[in-house]
Amino acid sequence: MEVINTIGRRKSAVARVYLSAGKGDIVVNGKPYKEYFPQTNVQYNIEDPFNTLDIAGTFDVKVNVKGGGFKGQAEAIRMAISRALCKVSEDYRTPLKTKKYLSRDARVVERKKFGKPKARKSFQFSKR
């Protein structure tokens, strides 16, 4: 099997995933993913596409991720892994699609407007 390259995005995080046949190693920015993401709930996000399909330990994943926070990065990685698995086999598409791992969550931070301290918050109004 050749290396499959996909991309995943969430908020301002962008993840590039290289999926190849192997024994289940996941490396994020040169570190093992459990070292890069010490929180267990974030680790679960990354493992979940493999657990959904019951194929844990069959693919090696190399990830380059930048931008955003740890949660946005983890969800970007999850999306990229799901897209790569769909390229491996079309049968994997349905269970991943039902869990909504293939759809891009387009919610991003709203921009700050001039004359206001944040996007919508206003300064305190003084009548006199």
Protein backbone atom coordinates (compact mmCIF):
# COMPACT_ATOMS: atom_id res chain seq x y z
CA MET A 1 0.00 0.00 0.00
CA GLU A 2 1.31 3.43 -0.91
CA VAL A 3 1.17 6.44 1.41
CA ILE A 4 -2.17 8.26 1.37
CA ASN A 5 -2.07 12.01 1.92
CA THR A 6 -5.13 13.98 3.13
CA ILE A 7 -5.89 17.26 4.85
CA GLY A 8 -8.31 18.17 7.64
CA ARG A 9 -9.34 21.55 9.03
CA ARG A 10 -11.11 22.78 12.16
CA LYS A 11 -11.28 26.43 13.30
CA SER A 12 -7.79 27.72 12.46
CA ALA A 13 -6.04 24.33 12.74
CA VAL A 14 -4.80 22.55 9.61
CA ALA A 15 -3.68 18.90 9.75
CA ARG A 16 -1.85 17.01 7.00
CA VAL A 17 -2.01 13.24 7.46
CA TYR A 18 0.13 10.57 5.79
CA LEU A 19 -1.48 7.12 6.22
CA SER A 20 0.42 3.92 5.44
CA ALA A 21 0.16 0.25 6.33
CA GLY A 22 1.85 -0.53 9.63
CA LYS A 23 1.34 -1.48 13.24
CA GLY A 24 -0.66 1.45 14.61
CA ASP A 25 1.90 4.17 15.35
CA ILE A 26 0.51 7.72 15.38
CA VAL A 27 3.14 10.48 15.29
CA VAL A 28 2.11 14.15 15.57
CA ASN A 29 4.75 16.78 14.71
CA GLY A 30 7.56 14.29 15.41
CA LYS A 31 6.21 13.10 18.80
CA PRO A 32 3.97 10.19 19.76
CA TYR A 33 0.38 11.45 19.93
CA LYS A 34 0.02 10.53 23.62
CA GLU A 35 2.97 12.79 24.39
CA TYR A 36 1.77 15.62 22.09
CA PHE A 37 -1.81 15.44 23.48
CA PRO A 38 -1.60 14.44 27.18
CA GLN A 39 -5.39 14.78 27.70
CA THR A 40 -7.18 11.44 27.36
CA ASN A 41 -10.35 12.90 25.82
CA VAL A 42 -8.28 14.49 23.05
CA GLN A 43 -6.42 11.22 22.48
CA TYR A 44 -9.81 9.52 22.11
CA ASN A 45 -10.71 11.99 19.31
CA ILE A 46 -7.66 10.89 17.32
CA GLU A 47 -8.17 7.14 17.89
CA ASP A 48 -11.93 7.16 17.27
CA PRO A 49 -11.98 6.72 13.45
CA PHE A 50 -9.97 3.48 13.89
CA ASN A 51 -12.13 2.32 16.83
CA THR A 52 -15.33 3.02 14.88
CA LEU A 53 -14.16 0.73 12.07
CA ASP A 54 -12.50 -1.86 14.41
CA ILE A 55 -9.17 -1.54 12.56
CA ALA A 56 -7.00 -0.21 15.39
CA GLY A 57 -3.34 -1.14 14.94
CA THR A 58 -3.37 -1.70 11.18
CA PHE A 59 -2.18 1.69 9.90
CA ASP A 60 0.70 4.02 10.72
CA VAL A 61 -0.16 7.72 10.76
CA LYS A 62 2.25 10.63 10.44
CA VAL A 63 0.70 14.05 11.09
CA ASN A 64 1.84 17.63 10.56
CA VAL A 65 -0.52 20.02 12.30
CA LYS A 66 -0.36 23.77 12.89
CA GLY A 67 -2.60 26.57 14.09
CA GLY A 68 -5.40 26.62 16.63
CA GLY A 69 -5.50 25.01 20.05
CA PHE A 70 -5.15 21.40 21.10
CA LYS A 71 -8.84 20.57 20.67
CA GLY A 72 -9.11 22.13 17.22
CA GLN A 73 -5.93 20.36 16.17
CA ALA A 74 -7.24 17.00 17.41
CA GLU A 75 -10.51 17.41 15.50
CA ALA A 76 -8.61 18.45 12.36
CA ILE A 77 -6.49 15.29 12.68
CA ARG A 78 -9.63 13.18 13.18
CA MET A 79 -11.14 14.58 9.99
CA ALA A 80 -7.95 14.01 7.97
CA ILE A 81 -7.63 10.41 9.22
CA SER A 82 -11.27 9.74 8.33
CA ARG A 83 -10.74 11.12 4.82
CA ALA A 84 -7.64 8.95 4.37
CA LEU A 85 -9.50 5.82 5.50
CA CYS A 86 -12.23 6.55 2.94
CA LYS A 87 -9.51 6.55 0.26
CA VAL A 88 -8.36 3.13 1.50
CA SER A 89 -11.81 1.53 1.21
CA GLU A 90 -15.19 2.93 0.19
CA ASP A 91 -16.83 0.61 2.76
CA TYR A 92 -15.40 2.73 5.57
CA ARG A 93 -17.31 5.81 4.39
CA THR A 94 -20.78 5.01 5.82
CA PRO A 95 -19.85 4.47 9.50
CA LEU A 96 -17.57 7.53 9.49
CA LYS A 97 -20.24 9.65 7.83
CA THR A 98 -22.87 8.67 10.42
CA LYS A 99 -20.51 9.93 13.16
CA LYS A 100 -20.03 13.16 11.12
CA TYR A 101 -16.24 12.78 10.88
CA LEU A 102 -16.21 13.66 7.18
CA SER A 103 -18.07 16.99 7.38
CA ARG A 104 -16.14 20.23 7.89
CA ASP A 105 -17.29 22.21 10.93
CA ALA A 106 -17.20 25.74 9.52
CA ARG A 107 -17.62 27.59 12.83
CA VAL A 108 -14.74 30.02 13.35
CA VAL A 109 -14.15 32.97 15.66
CA GLU A 110 -16.10 36.05 14.60
CA ARG A 111 -13.93 39.02 13.71
CA LYS A 112 -13.64 42.08 15.95
CA LYS A 113 -15.55 45.15 14.72
CA PHE A 114 -14.27 48.70 14.99
CA GLY A 115 -15.76 50.82 17.76
CA LYS A 116 -16.30 47.74 19.93
CA PRO A 117 -14.01 45.93 22.38
CA LYS A 118 -14.86 42.47 20.92
CA ALA A 119 -16.99 41.12 18.08
CA ARG A 120 -20.38 42.05 19.60
CA LYS A 121 -19.69 43.43 23.08
CA SER A 122 -20.23 47.18 23.44
CA PHE A 123 -18.68 49.69 25.80
CA GLN A 124 -20.83 50.69 28.78
CA PHE A 125 -23.50 53.18 27.76
CA SER A 126 -23.68 56.41 29.75
CA LYS A 127 -26.78 58.53 29.35
CA ARG A 128 -25.34 61.60 31.12
